Amino acid sequence: MSILAELDALVTGLGLPVETGVFSGKAPDEYVVITPLVEAFALHADNRPEYETQEVRLSLYCKGNYLARKRQIVKALLQAGFTITDRRYLGREDDTTYHHWSADLMQIYKVEE
């Protein structure tokens, strides 16, 4: 499993379109973009990694009031066991009229041989 696959399923389950890196095509009034940030073998011993840390930034773009959707996403992330390392409102983009909110997430996976 990967953090991208888990988040794709979670966000899709909330009824939001989601893509990785950039949203292609005509963007709807609400959508999510997931940007990979880090893949690291932070936890290992004997020169063999046993766990991989994966980190991403989840960005919510919303033309209307984003607060209810933000709360829904945060609740779903916490229930699914994600570690939220940062959350922030990045502002309203004047050229597109989208509100932009983001959360940085981390998940640890056992390395499969």
N, C-alpha and C. Protein backbone atom coordinates (compact mmCIF):
# COMPACT_ATOMS: atom_id res chain seq x y z
N MET A 1 0.86 -1.18 0.00
CA MET A 1 0.00 0.00 0.00
C MET A 1 0.89 1.23 0.00
N SER A 2 0.37 2.31 -0.54
CA SER A 2 1.10 3.58 -0.54
C SER A 2 0.16 4.68 -0.04
N ILE A 3 0.76 5.77 0.40
CA ILE A 3 -0.04 6.88 0.89
C ILE A 3 -0.91 7.46 -0.22
N LEU A 4 -0.40 7.45 -1.46
CA LEU A 4 -1.19 7.97 -2.58
C LEU A 4 -2.44 7.13 -2.81
N ALA A 5 -2.29 5.81 -2.78
CA ALA A 5 -3.43 4.92 -2.98
C ALA A 5 -4.44 5.07 -1.85
N GLU A 6 -3.96 5.15 -0.62
CA GLU A 6 -4.86 5.30 0.52
C GLU A 6 -5.64 6.61 0.44
N LEU A 7 -4.94 7.69 0.12
CA LEU A 7 -5.60 9.00 0.05
C LEU A 7 -6.56 9.08 -1.13
N ASP A 8 -6.19 8.50 -2.24
CA ASP A 8 -7.09 8.49 -3.39
C ASP A 8 -8.42 7.84 -3.02
N ALA A 9 -8.36 6.70 -2.35
CA ALA A 9 -9.58 6.01 -1.93
C ALA A 9 -10.36 6.82 -0.90
N LEU A 10 -9.66 7.42 0.06
CA LEU A 10 -10.32 8.20 1.11
C LEU A 10 -11.03 9.41 0.53
N VAL A 11 -10.33 10.19 -0.29
CA VAL A 11 -10.88 11.43 -0.84
C VAL A 11 -12.02 11.12 -1.82
N THR A 12 -11.84 10.11 -2.65
CA THR A 12 -12.90 9.69 -3.58
C THR A 12 -14.14 9.27 -2.80
N GLY A 13 -13.92 8.58 -1.68
CA GLY A 13 -15.02 8.16 -0.83
C GLY A 13 -15.79 9.32 -0.23
N LEU A 14 -15.17 10.48 -0.14
CA LEU A 14 -15.84 11.68 0.36
C LEU A 14 -16.57 12.42 -0.76
N GLY A 15 -16.51 11.88 -1.97
CA GLY A 15 -17.20 12.49 -3.09
C GLY A 15 -16.45 13.63 -3.76
N LEU A 16 -15.13 13.67 -3.55
CA LEU A 16 -14.32 14.73 -4.15
C LEU A 16 -13.44 14.16 -5.26
N PRO A 17 -13.33 14.87 -6.38
CA PRO A 17 -12.36 14.47 -7.40
C PRO A 17 -10.95 14.69 -6.85
N VAL A 18 -10.04 13.79 -7.18
CA VAL A 18 -8.67 13.88 -6.69
C VAL A 18 -7.70 13.47 -7.77
N GLU A 19 -6.57 14.19 -7.85
CA GLU A 19 -5.49 13.84 -8.77
C GLU A 19 -4.17 14.09 -8.07
N THR A 20 -3.12 13.51 -8.61
CA THR A 20 -1.78 13.66 -8.05
C THR A 20 -0.99 14.68 -8.86
N GLY A 21 -0.37 15.62 -8.16
CA GLY A 21 0.50 16.61 -8.79
C GLY A 21 -0.21 17.84 -9.30
N VAL A 22 -1.16 17.66 -10.21
CA VAL A 22 -1.90 18.79 -10.79
C VAL A 22 -3.25 18.26 -11.26
N PHE A 23 -4.27 19.11 -11.21
CA PHE A 23 -5.58 18.69 -11.68
C PHE A 23 -5.64 18.93 -13.18
N SER A 24 -5.89 17.88 -13.93
CA SER A 24 -5.94 18.01 -15.38
C SER A 24 -7.38 18.22 -15.84
N GLY A 25 -7.54 18.85 -16.95
CA GLY A 25 -8.88 19.09 -17.46
C GLY A 25 -9.55 20.27 -16.77
N LYS A 26 -10.85 20.39 -16.99
CA LYS A 26 -11.63 21.48 -16.39
C LYS A 26 -11.89 21.16 -14.92
N ALA A 27 -11.47 22.05 -14.06
CA ALA A 27 -11.60 21.82 -12.62
C ALA A 27 -13.03 22.10 -12.15
N PRO A 28 -13.57 21.21 -11.29
CA PRO A 28 -14.90 21.45 -10.71
C PRO A 28 -14.80 22.49 -9.58
N ASP A 29 -15.93 22.80 -8.96
CA ASP A 29 -15.93 23.80 -7.89
C ASP A 29 -15.17 23.36 -6.65
N GLU A 30 -15.05 22.05 -6.42
CA GLU A 30 -14.26 21.51 -5.31
C GLU A 30 -13.44 20.34 -5.83
N TYR A 31 -12.17 20.32 -5.46
CA TYR A 31 -11.31 19.19 -5.84
C TYR A 31 -10.09 19.16 -4.94
N VAL A 32 -9.38 18.03 -4.98
CA VAL A 32 -8.18 17.83 -4.17
C VAL A 32 -7.02 17.45 -5.08
N VAL A 33 -5.85 18.00 -4.76
CA VAL A 33 -4.61 17.62 -5.42
C VAL A 33 -3.66 17.11 -4.34
N ILE A 34 -3.06 15.95 -4.59
CA ILE A 34 -2.09 15.36 -3.66
C ILE A 34 -0.70 15.49 -4.28
N THR A 35 0.21 16.09 -3.52
CA THR A 35 1.58 16.29 -3.99
C THR A 35 2.54 15.48 -3.13
N PRO A 36 3.24 14.51 -3.71
CA PRO A 36 4.23 13.75 -2.93
C PRO A 36 5.35 14.68 -2.45
N LEU A 37 5.78 14.50 -1.20
CA LEU A 37 6.84 15.32 -0.63
C LEU A 37 8.09 14.53 -0.28
N VAL A 38 7.92 13.42 0.46
CA VAL A 38 9.07 12.68 0.98
C VAL A 38 8.78 11.18 0.97
N GLU A 39 9.79 10.41 0.60
CA GLU A 39 9.82 8.97 0.81
C GLU A 39 11.18 8.69 1.46
N ALA A 40 11.17 8.15 2.68
CA ALA A 40 12.43 7.97 3.39
C ALA A 40 12.43 6.67 4.18
N PHE A 41 13.62 6.13 4.36
CA PHE A 41 13.81 4.97 5.23
C PHE A 41 14.32 5.48 6.57
N ALA A 42 13.50 6.19 7.28
CA ALA A 42 13.92 6.83 8.53
C ALA A 42 14.09 5.82 9.67
N LEU A 43 13.38 4.72 9.63
CA LEU A 43 13.42 3.74 10.72
C LEU A 43 14.04 2.45 10.20
N HIS A 44 15.30 2.22 10.55
CA HIS A 44 15.95 0.99 10.10
C HIS A 44 17.07 0.59 11.06
N ALA A 45 17.47 -0.65 10.96
CA ALA A 45 18.58 -1.18 11.76
C ALA A 45 19.34 -2.19 10.91
N ASP A 46 20.56 -2.46 11.29
CA ASP A 46 21.39 -3.43 10.57
C ASP A 46 21.49 -3.14 9.08
N ASN A 47 21.49 -1.86 8.72
CA ASN A 47 21.63 -1.42 7.33
C ASN A 47 20.53 -1.93 6.41
N ARG A 48 19.42 -2.39 6.96
CA ARG A 48 18.28 -2.88 6.16
C ARG A 48 17.04 -2.11 6.59
N PRO A 49 16.46 -1.34 5.70
CA PRO A 49 15.24 -0.63 6.08
C PRO A 49 14.08 -1.59 6.32
N GLU A 50 13.36 -1.36 7.39
CA GLU A 50 12.17 -2.16 7.68
C GLU A 50 10.89 -1.35 7.46
N TYR A 51 11.00 -0.03 7.57
CA TYR A 51 9.84 0.83 7.42
C TYR A 51 10.16 2.00 6.50
N GLU A 52 9.16 2.44 5.78
CA GLU A 52 9.30 3.59 4.89
C GLU A 52 8.33 4.67 5.35
N THR A 53 8.83 5.87 5.48
CA THR A 53 7.99 7.02 5.81
C THR A 53 7.62 7.71 4.50
N GLN A 54 6.32 7.92 4.28
CA GLN A 54 5.85 8.64 3.09
C GLN A 54 5.09 9.88 3.56
N GLU A 55 5.39 11.01 2.92
CA GLU A 55 4.74 12.27 3.26
C GLU A 55 4.20 12.93 1.99
N VAL A 56 3.03 13.54 2.12
CA VAL A 56 2.40 14.25 1.01
C VAL A 56 1.75 15.54 1.51
N ARG A 57 1.43 16.40 0.57
CA ARG A 57 0.60 17.57 0.86
C ARG A 57 -0.73 17.38 0.15
N LEU A 58 -1.80 17.43 0.90
CA LEU A 58 -3.15 17.35 0.36
C LEU A 58 -3.68 18.78 0.27
N SER A 59 -4.04 19.21 -0.93
CA SER A 59 -4.54 20.57 -1.14
C SER A 59 -6.00 20.52 -1.55
N LEU A 60 -6.84 21.22 -0.80
CA LEU A 60 -8.26 21.35 -1.12
C LEU A 60 -8.46 22.68 -1.81
N TYR A 61 -9.13 22.64 -2.95
CA TYR A 61 -9.50 23.86 -3.67
C TYR A 61 -11.02 23.91 -3.70
N CYS A 62 -11.56 25.04 -3.29
CA CYS A 62 -13.01 25.15 -3.15
C CYS A 62 -13.45 26.57 -3.49
N LYS A 63 -14.43 26.70 -4.37
CA LYS A 63 -14.92 28.03 -4.76
C LYS A 63 -15.86 28.62 -3.72
N GLY A 64 -16.53 27.78 -2.95
CA GLY A 64 -17.44 28.27 -1.92
C GLY A 64 -16.77 28.24 -0.55
N ASN A 65 -17.59 28.14 0.49
CA ASN A 65 -17.08 28.05 1.85
C ASN A 65 -16.41 26.69 2.02
N TYR A 66 -15.13 26.70 2.32
CA TYR A 66 -14.34 25.47 2.41
C TYR A 66 -14.35 24.83 3.81
N LEU A 67 -14.89 25.51 4.82
CA LEU A 67 -14.74 25.06 6.20
C LEU A 67 -15.39 23.71 6.49
N ALA A 68 -16.59 23.48 6.02
CA ALA A 68 -17.26 22.19 6.27
C ALA A 68 -16.50 21.06 5.59
N ARG A 69 -16.03 21.27 4.38
CA ARG A 69 -15.29 20.25 3.66
C ARG A 69 -13.96 19.98 4.36
N LYS A 70 -13.30 21.04 4.85
CA LYS A 70 -12.04 20.89 5.59
C LYS A 70 -12.25 20.01 6.81
N ARG A 71 -13.28 20.29 7.59
CA ARG A 71 -13.57 19.50 8.78
C ARG A 71 -13.85 18.04 8.42
N GLN A 72 -14.58 17.81 7.34
CA GLN A 72 -14.88 16.46 6.90
C GLN A 72 -13.60 15.71 6.53
N ILE A 73 -12.71 16.37 5.83
CA ILE A 73 -11.44 15.75 5.42
C ILE A 73 -10.58 15.42 6.64
N VAL A 74 -10.43 16.38 7.55
CA VAL A 74 -9.61 16.16 8.75
C VAL A 74 -10.16 15.00 9.57
N LYS A 75 -11.46 14.96 9.76
CA LYS A 75 -12.08 13.87 10.52
C LYS A 75 -11.79 12.52 9.86
N ALA A 76 -11.94 12.44 8.55
CA ALA A 76 -11.69 11.19 7.82
C ALA A 76 -10.22 10.79 7.90
N LEU A 77 -9.31 11.76 7.80
CA LEU A 77 -7.88 11.46 7.89
C LEU A 77 -7.52 10.89 9.25
N LEU A 78 -8.02 11.52 10.30
CA LEU A 78 -7.72 11.05 11.66
C LEU A 78 -8.32 9.67 11.91
N GLN A 79 -9.54 9.45 11.45
CA GLN A 79 -10.16 8.14 11.62
C GLN A 79 -9.40 7.05 10.86
N ALA A 80 -8.76 7.40 9.76
CA ALA A 80 -8.02 6.45 8.96
C ALA A 80 -6.58 6.25 9.47
N GLY A 81 -6.19 6.98 10.51
CA GLY A 81 -4.88 6.78 11.12
C GLY A 81 -3.74 7.57 10.52
N PHE A 82 -4.04 8.60 9.73
CA PHE A 82 -2.97 9.44 9.17
C PHE A 82 -2.43 10.37 10.24
N THR A 83 -1.15 10.68 10.15
CA THR A 83 -0.54 11.70 11.00
C THR A 83 -0.58 13.01 10.22
N ILE A 84 -1.21 14.02 10.80
CA ILE A 84 -1.27 15.35 10.18
C ILE A 84 -0.17 16.19 10.81
N THR A 85 0.82 16.58 9.99
CA THR A 85 1.96 17.32 10.52
C THR A 85 1.82 18.83 10.35
N ASP A 86 0.90 19.26 9.51
CA ASP A 86 0.69 20.70 9.30
C ASP A 86 -0.65 20.91 8.62
N ARG A 87 -1.35 21.99 8.97
CA ARG A 87 -2.58 22.40 8.29
C ARG A 87 -2.53 23.91 8.16
N ARG A 88 -2.99 24.40 6.99
CA ARG A 88 -2.98 25.86 6.84
C ARG A 88 -3.90 26.32 5.71
N TYR A 89 -4.45 27.50 5.92
CA TYR A 89 -5.20 28.18 4.87
C TYR A 89 -4.21 29.01 4.09
N LEU A 90 -4.13 28.78 2.79
CA LEU A 90 -3.16 29.47 1.96
C LEU A 90 -3.73 30.69 1.26
N GLY A 91 -5.05 30.88 1.37
CA GLY A 91 -5.66 32.08 0.83
C GLY A 91 -6.61 31.81 -0.31
N ARG A 92 -7.23 32.88 -0.75
CA ARG A 92 -8.14 32.82 -1.90
C ARG A 92 -7.36 33.29 -3.11
N GLU A 93 -7.38 32.49 -4.14
CA GLU A 93 -6.66 32.83 -5.36
C GLU A 93 -7.55 33.73 -6.21
N ASP A 94 -7.16 34.98 -6.36
CA ASP A 94 -7.98 35.97 -7.04
C ASP A 94 -8.26 35.61 -8.50
N ASP A 95 -7.28 35.03 -9.17
CA ASP A 95 -7.46 34.73 -10.60
C ASP A 95 -8.41 33.56 -10.84
N THR A 96 -8.51 32.62 -9.89
CA THR A 96 -9.38 31.46 -10.07
C THR A 96 -10.60 31.47 -9.15
N THR A 97 -10.57 32.29 -8.12
CA THR A 97 -11.59 32.41 -7.06
C THR A 97 -11.69 31.18 -6.17
N TYR A 98 -10.69 30.30 -6.18
CA TYR A 98 -10.66 29.13 -5.30
C TYR A 98 -10.04 29.52 -3.95
N HIS A 99 -10.64 29.01 -2.88
CA HIS A 99 -9.97 29.01 -1.58
C HIS A 99 -9.03 27.82 -1.59
N HIS A 100 -7.83 28.01 -1.02
CA HIS A 100 -6.82 26.95 -1.04
C HIS A 100 -6.43 26.65 0.41
N TRP A 101 -6.73 25.41 0.83
CA TRP A 101 -6.37 24.92 2.16
C TRP A 101 -5.53 23.67 1.98
N SER A 102 -4.53 23.48 2.83
CA SER A 102 -3.69 22.29 2.68
C SER A 102 -3.40 21.63 4.02
N ALA A 103 -3.09 20.34 3.94
CA ALA A 103 -2.66 19.57 5.10
C ALA A 103 -1.48 18.71 4.66
N ASP A 104 -0.42 18.72 5.46
CA ASP A 104 0.70 17.83 5.22
C ASP A 104 0.48 16.57 6.05
N LEU A 105 0.67 15.42 5.41
CA LEU A 105 0.34 14.14 6.02
C LEU A 105 1.53 13.20 5.97
N MET A 106 1.57 12.29 6.96
CA MET A 106 2.64 11.29 7.00
C MET A 106 2.02 9.94 7.33
N GLN A 107 2.61 8.91 6.75
CA GLN A 107 2.19 7.54 7.03
C GLN A 107 3.44 6.65 6.97
N ILE A 108 3.49 5.65 7.83
CA ILE A 108 4.64 4.74 7.86
C ILE A 108 4.16 3.37 7.38
N TYR A 109 4.96 2.78 6.48
CA TYR A 109 4.64 1.48 5.90
C TYR A 109 5.78 0.52 6.10
N LYS A 110 5.46 -0.72 6.36
CA LYS A 110 6.48 -1.78 6.45
C LYS A 110 6.99 -2.06 5.04
N VAL A 111 8.32 -2.12 4.89
CA VAL A 111 8.93 -2.39 3.60
C VAL A 111 8.72 -3.87 3.27
N GLU A 112 8.21 -4.11 2.09
CA GLU A 112 7.99 -5.48 1.64
C GLU A 112 9.14 -5.90 0.75
N GLU A 113 9.65 -7.08 0.98
CA GLU A 113 10.79 -7.60 0.22
C GLU A 113 10.36 -8.05 -1.15
